[in-house]
Amino acid sequence: MKFLLSVALPLYALDQVTKWATLAAAVRGDLPRDVIPGFFQLVYWQNTGAAFSIGHGNNWFFIILSVVAFIGLLIAWQRGVFPDKPSRWGVALLLSGILGNVTDRILHGHVVDFLLFDLHVRFANPWPAFNVADSCICIAVALFLIGSFRQQKT
C-alpha cells in the first residue's frame, strides 16, 4: 500500500494543481495559448464523457463507474492480483488517474482537459484534449499490456 500511495498521491496532486492553473488561466482569459504553434496548445475544455468524449453528458455514470473501479483495484491489490512490476506501476498510475478525473467530475461537473496536440493526422486533427490524469491512465494501460505479454512468454 505504501508503494501505491507514494506513486498515486504525487501524480494526483500534479493533476489537480495543473487543472487549477488551467481554470485560473481560463478565468483570466489567457487560454487558449500556443506553446508550439501549429502543434501544441494549452486550452480549457470541459469533458462530461470518457475518452474522446464518448458518453458525453453521463457524468454521474462515470462517477459511479470510477468509484467502483477504484474500490475494485484496491481490493485486487490487497489480494495480490498484481504480482509483477509493470502491473503494480499500472495500478498506481490508474488509481491516480481515476482519482484525478473523478475529483473533477464531483467538483466541477466535468473533467478539465487542457493539453491539445494537433498531430496533423486525418481523423485526429486535433487530437482530443487531455490532462495529467488521462496520461496516467494511458500509461497504465500500456504497462498492463506489457505485463500481459511478459506473462504469456513464461
C-alpha atoms as a PDB file:
ATOM      1  CA  MET A   1       0.000   0.000   0.000  1.00  0.00           C
ATOM      2  CA  LYS A   2       2.938   2.303   0.691  1.00  0.00           C
ATOM      3  CA  PHE A   3       4.059   1.960  -2.936  1.00  0.00           C
ATOM      4  CA  LEU A   4       0.568   2.852  -4.193  1.00  0.00           C
ATOM      5  CA  LEU A   5       0.426   5.963  -2.073  1.00  0.00           C
ATOM      6  CA  SER A   6       3.957   7.086  -2.945  1.00  0.00           C
ATOM      7  CA  VAL A   7       3.182   6.935  -6.676  1.00  0.00           C
ATOM      8  CA  ALA A   8      -0.521   7.799  -6.865  1.00  0.00           C
ATOM      9  CA  LEU A   9      -0.713  10.747  -4.474  1.00  0.00           C
ATOM     10  CA  PRO A  10       2.016  12.927  -6.043  1.00  0.00           C
ATOM     11  CA  LEU A  11       0.569  12.301  -9.521  1.00  0.00           C
ATOM     12  CA  TYR A  12      -2.914  13.107  -8.243  1.00  0.00           C
ATOM     13  CA  ALA A  13      -1.558  16.336  -6.729  1.00  0.00           C
ATOM     14  CA  LEU A  14       0.187  17.236 -10.005  1.00  0.00           C
ATOM     15  CA  ASP A  15      -3.053  16.593 -11.888  1.00  0.00           C
ATOM     16  CA  GLN A  16      -5.087  18.817  -9.583  1.00  0.00           C
ATOM     17  CA  VAL A  17      -2.516  21.628  -9.498  1.00  0.00           C
ATOM     18  CA  THR A  18      -2.311  21.730 -13.304  1.00  0.00           C
ATOM     19  CA  LYS A  19      -6.105  21.758 -13.569  1.00  0.00           C
ATOM     20  CA  TRP A  20      -6.338  24.551 -11.002  1.00  0.00           C
ATOM     21  CA  ALA A  21      -3.784  26.541 -13.021  1.00  0.00           C
ATOM     22  CA  THR A  22      -5.820  25.865 -16.169  1.00  0.00           C
ATOM     23  CA  LEU A  23      -9.013  27.127 -14.557  1.00  0.00           C
ATOM     24  CA  ALA A  24      -7.231  30.236 -13.293  1.00  0.00           C
ATOM     25  CA  ALA A  25      -5.779  30.917 -16.752  1.00  0.00           C
ATOM     26  CA  ALA A  26      -9.201  30.420 -18.343  1.00  0.00           C
ATOM     27  CA  VAL A  27     -10.786  32.920 -15.939  1.00  0.00           C
ATOM     28  CA  ARG A  28      -8.060  35.452 -16.780  1.00  0.00           C
ATOM     29  CA  GLY A  29      -8.697  34.889 -20.485  1.00  0.00           C
ATOM     30  CA  ASP A  30      -5.193  33.531 -21.085  1.00  0.00           C
ATOM     31  CA  LEU A  31      -6.405  30.405 -22.900  1.00  0.00           C
ATOM     32  CA  PRO A  32      -6.096  29.066 -25.498  1.00  0.00           C
ATOM     33  CA  ARG A  33      -2.359  29.650 -25.714  1.00  0.00           C
ATOM     34  CA  ASP A  34       0.033  28.356 -28.347  1.00  0.00           C
ATOM     35  CA  VAL A  35       3.038  26.599 -26.864  1.00  0.00           C
ATOM     36  CA  ILE A  36       4.346  25.188 -30.138  1.00  0.00           C
ATOM     37  CA  PRO A  37       2.400  26.927 -32.910  1.00  0.00           C
ATOM     38  CA  GLY A  38       0.571  24.513 -35.168  1.00  0.00           C
ATOM     39  CA  PHE A  39       1.326  21.563 -32.893  1.00  0.00           C
ATOM     40  CA  PHE A  40       0.650  22.112 -29.158  1.00  0.00           C
ATOM     41  CA  GLN A  41      -1.771  24.411 -27.310  1.00  0.00           C
ATOM     42  CA  LEU A  42      -2.899  24.895 -23.745  1.00  0.00           C
ATOM     43  CA  VAL A  43      -6.697  25.045 -23.736  1.00  0.00           C
ATOM     44  CA  TYR A  44      -9.630  24.736 -21.352  1.00  0.00           C
ATOM     45  CA  TRP A  45     -12.090  22.054 -22.386  1.00  0.00           C
ATOM     46  CA  GLN A  46     -14.893  20.624 -20.297  1.00  0.00           C
ATOM     47  CA  ASN A  47     -15.487  16.895 -20.820  1.00  0.00           C
ATOM     48  CA  THR A  48     -18.537  15.188 -19.316  1.00  0.00           C
ATOM     49  CA  GLY A  49     -17.808  11.974 -21.216  1.00  0.00           C
ATOM     50  CA  ALA A  50     -14.957   9.481 -21.194  1.00  0.00           C
ATOM     51  CA  ALA A  51     -12.076   9.151 -23.651  1.00  0.00           C
ATOM     52  CA  PHE A  52     -12.742  11.092 -26.867  1.00  0.00           C
ATOM     53  CA  SER A  53     -15.933  12.431 -25.163  1.00  0.00           C
ATOM     54  CA  ILE A  54     -17.618   9.034 -25.500  1.00  0.00           C
ATOM     55  CA  GLY A  55     -20.768   9.035 -23.388  1.00  0.00           C
ATOM     56  CA  HIS A  56     -20.898  12.838 -23.302  1.00  0.00           C
ATOM     57  CA  GLY A  57     -23.347  14.089 -20.675  1.00  0.00           C
ATOM     58  CA  ASN A  58     -23.266  10.986 -18.469  1.00  0.00           C
ATOM     59  CA  ASN A  59     -21.183  12.495 -15.683  1.00  0.00           C
ATOM     60  CA  TRP A  60     -22.892  10.621 -12.827  1.00  0.00           C
ATOM     61  CA  PHE A  61     -22.492   7.299 -14.610  1.00  0.00           C
ATOM     62  CA  PHE A  62     -18.752   7.934 -14.895  1.00  0.00           C
ATOM     63  CA  ILE A  63     -18.519   8.974 -11.231  1.00  0.00           C
ATOM     64  CA  ILE A  64     -20.139   5.703 -10.149  1.00  0.00           C
ATOM     65  CA  LEU A  65     -18.034   3.662 -12.584  1.00  0.00           C
ATOM     66  CA  SER A  66     -14.865   5.368 -11.326  1.00  0.00           C
ATOM     67  CA  VAL A  67     -15.662   4.701  -7.676  1.00  0.00           C
ATOM     68  CA  VAL A  68     -16.439   1.034  -8.387  1.00  0.00           C
ATOM     69  CA  ALA A  69     -13.223   0.635 -10.429  1.00  0.00           C
ATOM     70  CA  PHE A  70     -11.164   2.392  -7.741  1.00  0.00           C
ATOM     71  CA  ILE A  71     -12.502   0.133  -4.978  1.00  0.00           C
ATOM     72  CA  GLY A  72     -12.123  -2.958  -7.163  1.00  0.00           C
ATOM     73  CA  LEU A  73      -8.476  -2.129  -7.879  1.00  0.00           C
ATOM     74  CA  LEU A  74      -7.748  -1.615  -4.176  1.00  0.00           C
ATOM     75  CA  ILE A  75      -9.353  -4.965  -3.313  1.00  0.00           C
ATOM     76  CA  ALA A  76      -7.427  -6.701  -6.109  1.00  0.00           C
ATOM     77  CA  TRP A  77      -4.209  -5.070  -4.861  1.00  0.00           C
ATOM     78  CA  GLN A  78      -4.849  -6.325  -1.319  1.00  0.00           C
ATOM     79  CA  ARG A  79      -5.429  -9.845  -2.680  1.00  0.00           C
ATOM     80  CA  GLY A  80      -2.104  -9.804  -4.538  1.00  0.00           C
ATOM     81  CA  VAL A  81      -3.567  -9.857  -8.050  1.00  0.00           C
ATOM     82  CA  PHE A  82      -0.763  -7.648  -9.408  1.00  0.00           C
ATOM     83  CA  PRO A  83       2.479  -9.599  -8.852  1.00  0.00           C
ATOM     84  CA  ASP A  84       4.788  -8.030 -11.443  1.00  0.00           C
ATOM     85  CA  LYS A  85       6.328  -4.555 -11.607  1.00  0.00           C
ATOM     86  CA  PRO A  86       4.508  -3.346 -14.751  1.00  0.00           C
ATOM     87  CA  SER A  87       1.103  -4.186 -13.298  1.00  0.00           C
ATOM     88  CA  ARG A  88       1.920  -2.672  -9.881  1.00  0.00           C
ATOM     89  CA  TRP A  89       3.034   0.560 -11.554  1.00  0.00           C
ATOM     90  CA  GLY A  90      -0.020   0.363 -13.793  1.00  0.00           C
ATOM     91  CA  VAL A  91      -2.367   0.130 -10.811  1.00  0.00           C
ATOM     92  CA  ALA A  92      -0.709   3.087  -9.094  1.00  0.00           C
ATOM     93  CA  LEU A  93      -0.993   5.204 -12.241  1.00  0.00           C
ATOM     94  CA  LEU A  94      -4.549   4.063 -12.895  1.00  0.00           C
ATOM     95  CA  LEU A  95      -5.640   4.910  -9.350  1.00  0.00           C
ATOM     96  CA  SER A  96      -4.138   8.399  -9.611  1.00  0.00           C
ATOM     97  CA  GLY A  97      -5.851   8.960 -12.959  1.00  0.00           C
ATOM     98  CA  ILE A  98      -9.215   7.722 -11.720  1.00  0.00           C
ATOM     99  CA  LEU A  99      -8.972   9.855  -8.588  1.00  0.00           C
ATOM    100  CA  GLY A 100      -7.953  12.950 -10.549  1.00  0.00           C
ATOM    101  CA  ASN A 101     -10.796  12.745 -13.048  1.00  0.00           C
ATOM    102  CA  VAL A 102     -13.472  11.735 -10.530  1.00  0.00           C
ATOM    103  CA  THR A 103     -12.448  14.693  -8.357  1.00  0.00           C
ATOM    104  CA  ASP A 104     -13.111  16.975 -11.352  1.00  0.00           C
ATOM    105  CA  ARG A 105     -16.467  15.362 -12.037  1.00  0.00           C
ATOM    106  CA  ILE A 106     -17.561  15.864  -8.434  1.00  0.00           C
ATOM    107  CA  LEU A 107     -16.177  19.413  -8.009  1.00  0.00           C
ATOM    108  CA  HIS A 108     -16.847  20.854 -11.474  1.00  0.00           C
ATOM    109  CA  GLY A 109     -19.420  18.556 -13.088  1.00  0.00           C
ATOM    110  CA  HIS A 110     -16.911  17.722 -15.848  1.00  0.00           C
ATOM    111  CA  VAL A 111     -13.287  16.732 -16.381  1.00  0.00           C
ATOM    112  CA  VAL A 112     -10.889  19.606 -17.031  1.00  0.00           C
ATOM    113  CA  ASP A 113      -8.803  18.914 -20.138  1.00  0.00           C
ATOM    114  CA  PHE A 114      -6.054  21.311 -21.175  1.00  0.00           C
ATOM    115  CA  LEU A 115      -3.353  19.656 -23.299  1.00  0.00           C
ATOM    116  CA  LEU A 116      -4.169  19.834 -27.016  1.00  0.00           C
ATOM    117  CA  PHE A 117      -1.957  18.433 -29.748  1.00  0.00           C
ATOM    118  CA  ASP A 118      -2.511  18.769 -33.469  1.00  0.00           C
ATOM    119  CA  LEU A 119      -0.828  15.705 -34.911  1.00  0.00           C
ATOM    120  CA  HIS A 120      -1.760  16.685 -38.485  1.00  0.00           C
ATOM    121  CA  VAL A 121      -3.214  13.218 -38.997  1.00  0.00           C
ATOM    122  CA  ARG A 122      -6.579  12.618 -40.637  1.00  0.00           C
ATOM    123  CA  PHE A 123      -9.317  11.925 -38.051  1.00  0.00           C
ATOM    124  CA  ALA A 124      -7.021  13.138 -35.259  1.00  0.00           C
ATOM    125  CA  ASN A 125      -6.803  16.782 -36.207  1.00  0.00           C
ATOM    126  CA  PRO A 126      -6.606  17.991 -33.488  1.00  0.00           C
ATOM    127  CA  TRP A 127      -6.176  15.104 -31.081  1.00  0.00           C
ATOM    128  CA  PRO A 128      -8.726  15.312 -28.235  1.00  0.00           C
ATOM    129  CA  ALA A 129      -7.557  17.450 -25.332  1.00  0.00           C
ATOM    130  CA  PHE A 130      -6.389  15.583 -22.262  1.00  0.00           C
ATOM    131  CA  ASN A 131      -4.778  16.097 -18.845  1.00  0.00           C
ATOM    132  CA  VAL A 132      -2.286  14.553 -16.414  1.00  0.00           C
ATOM    133  CA  ALA A 133      -4.830  12.021 -15.115  1.00  0.00           C
ATOM    134  CA  ASP A 134      -5.599  10.885 -18.666  1.00  0.00           C
ATOM    135  CA  SER A 135      -1.872  10.489 -19.304  1.00  0.00           C
ATOM    136  CA  CYS A 136      -1.535   8.319 -16.193  1.00  0.00           C
ATOM    137  CA  ILE A 137      -4.436   6.145 -17.344  1.00  0.00           C
ATOM    138  CA  CYS A 138      -2.942   5.684 -20.834  1.00  0.00           C
ATOM    139  CA  ILE A 139       0.483   4.796 -19.441  1.00  0.00           C
ATOM    140  CA  ALA A 140      -1.194   2.344 -17.042  1.00  0.00           C
ATOM    141  CA  VAL A 141      -2.900   0.589 -19.953  1.00  0.00           C
ATOM    142  CA  ALA A 142       0.445   0.327 -21.755  1.00  0.00           C
ATOM    143  CA  LEU A 143       2.031  -1.170 -18.627  1.00  0.00           C
ATOM    144  CA  PHE A 144      -0.784  -3.716 -18.281  1.00  0.00           C
ATOM    145  CA  LEU A 145      -0.261  -4.716 -21.911  1.00  0.00           C
ATOM    146  CA  ILE A 146       3.487  -5.080 -21.379  1.00  0.00           C
ATOM    147  CA  GLY A 147       2.843  -7.167 -18.285  1.00  0.00           C
ATOM    148  CA  SER A 148       0.390  -9.406 -20.117  1.00  0.00           C
ATOM    149  CA  PHE A 149       2.868 -10.082 -22.943  1.00  0.00           C
ATOM    150  CA  ARG A 150       5.562 -10.943 -20.419  1.00  0.00           C
ATOM    151  CA  GLN A 151       3.248 -13.401 -18.667  1.00  0.00           C
ATOM    152  CA  GLN A 152       2.392 -15.144 -21.923  1.00  0.00           C
ATOM    153  CA  LYS A 153       6.082 -15.879 -22.607  1.00  0.00           C
ATOM    154  CA  THR A 154       6.579 -17.754 -19.333  1.00  0.00           C
END
